[in-house]
Amino acid sequence: MDVRFFAAAAAATGVEGQVVELASVAGSAPFTLGDLSKLLVESFPVSASSSTPPLPELLARCSFLVNEVSQRNLAAVLAPDDVIDVLPPFAGG
């Protein structure tokens, strides 16, 4: 599964994306968007940028796209070929 970070989420992680191998993190159990959030918090506990809050703080305000479709249900089950976008709130007009 590909996880892509945008804006402040990319600044907080220091990367624009990460590949998550579901077989290695979930085995045969279902892996949900909530599980992914927990994995990201564990993977990026501190911010890579001194001017950006850490990812664990940002995730509470982030939106998620699963295969380009907004997903708010943290119980949604993810598949190995999914693309997950992590979108922090954007300001401006």
Protein backbone atom coordinates (compact mmCIF):
# COMPACT_ATOMS: atom_id res chain seq x y z
CA MET A 1 0.00 0.00 0.00
CA ASP A 2 1.28 3.46 -0.84
CA VAL A 3 0.85 6.23 1.72
CA ARG A 4 1.37 9.76 0.41
CA PHE A 5 1.89 12.78 2.67
CA PHE A 6 0.98 16.32 1.64
CA ALA A 7 1.79 19.80 2.96
CA ALA A 8 2.35 19.82 6.74
CA ALA A 9 2.14 16.02 6.92
CA ALA A 10 5.07 15.79 4.48
CA ALA A 11 6.99 18.38 6.48
CA ALA A 12 6.31 16.52 9.74
CA THR A 13 7.43 13.15 8.37
CA GLY A 14 10.26 14.46 6.22
CA VAL A 15 9.08 12.26 3.32
CA GLU A 16 6.43 12.52 0.64
CA GLY A 17 5.47 8.87 0.80
CA GLN A 18 5.95 5.49 2.40
CA VAL A 19 5.22 1.97 1.26
CA VAL A 20 3.46 -0.20 3.84
CA GLU A 21 3.62 -3.95 3.30
CA LEU A 22 0.34 -5.16 4.75
CA ALA A 23 1.49 -8.77 5.02
CA SER A 24 4.30 -7.70 7.35
CA VAL A 25 2.21 -5.44 9.59
CA ALA A 26 -1.14 -7.21 9.62
CA GLY A 27 -0.53 -10.79 8.57
CA SER A 28 -3.89 -12.21 7.56
CA ALA A 29 -5.91 -9.95 9.86
CA PRO A 30 -7.90 -7.04 8.42
CA PHE A 31 -5.90 -3.79 8.48
CA THR A 32 -7.99 -0.66 8.92
CA LEU A 33 -7.46 3.04 8.39
CA GLY A 34 -7.32 3.32 12.19
CA ASP A 35 -4.53 0.70 12.25
CA LEU A 36 -2.67 2.71 9.63
CA SER A 37 -3.01 5.86 11.73
CA LYS A 38 -1.52 4.06 14.73
CA LEU A 39 1.33 2.72 12.58
CA LEU A 40 2.08 6.22 11.27
CA VAL A 41 2.10 7.65 14.81
CA GLU A 42 4.62 4.97 15.83
CA SER A 43 6.71 5.49 12.68
CA PHE A 44 6.89 9.29 12.92
CA PRO A 45 6.66 10.26 16.62
CA VAL A 46 8.60 13.53 16.24
CA SER A 47 8.50 16.17 13.55
CA ALA A 48 11.22 16.33 10.92
CA SER A 49 10.65 20.10 10.81
CA SER A 50 11.15 22.50 13.69
CA SER A 51 8.30 24.66 12.36
CA THR A 52 5.74 21.85 11.95
CA PRO A 53 3.86 19.95 14.66
CA PRO A 54 4.62 16.21 14.88
CA LEU A 55 2.50 13.83 12.82
CA PRO A 56 0.70 12.37 15.88
CA GLU A 57 -0.67 15.86 16.58
CA LEU A 58 -1.52 16.55 12.93
CA LEU A 59 -3.32 13.25 12.26
CA ALA A 60 -6.21 14.25 14.52
CA ARG A 61 -6.99 17.05 12.05
CA CYS A 62 -6.07 15.28 8.81
CA SER A 63 -8.37 14.01 6.12
CA PHE A 64 -7.73 10.74 4.33
CA LEU A 65 -8.31 9.76 0.74
CA VAL A 66 -8.38 6.05 -0.11
CA ASN A 67 -7.87 5.61 -3.83
CA GLU A 68 -8.81 9.28 -4.32
CA VAL A 69 -12.09 8.96 -2.38
CA SER A 70 -12.57 10.69 0.97
CA GLN A 71 -12.70 8.22 3.86
CA ARG A 72 -13.68 9.24 7.40
CA ASN A 73 -14.42 5.77 8.77
CA LEU A 74 -11.34 4.61 10.66
CA ALA A 75 -12.80 1.08 10.63
CA ALA A 76 -12.55 0.95 6.83
CA VAL A 77 -10.49 -2.08 5.79
CA LEU A 78 -7.51 -1.34 3.54
CA ALA A 79 -6.11 -3.50 0.74
CA PRO A 80 -2.49 -4.05 -0.34
CA ASP A 81 -2.93 -2.07 -3.57
CA ASP A 82 -4.64 0.95 -1.97
CA VAL A 83 -3.21 4.46 -2.22
CA ILE A 84 -3.79 6.49 0.93
CA ASP A 85 -3.37 10.27 0.90
CA VAL A 86 -2.84 12.06 4.22
CA LEU A 87 -4.12 15.61 3.87
CA PRO A 88 -3.74 18.12 6.67
CA PRO A 89 -6.09 21.10 6.78
CA PHE A 90 -5.22 23.67 4.15
CA ALA A 91 -5.56 27.42 4.66
CA GLY A 92 -6.16 30.07 2.09
CA GLY A 93 -8.63 30.65 -0.66
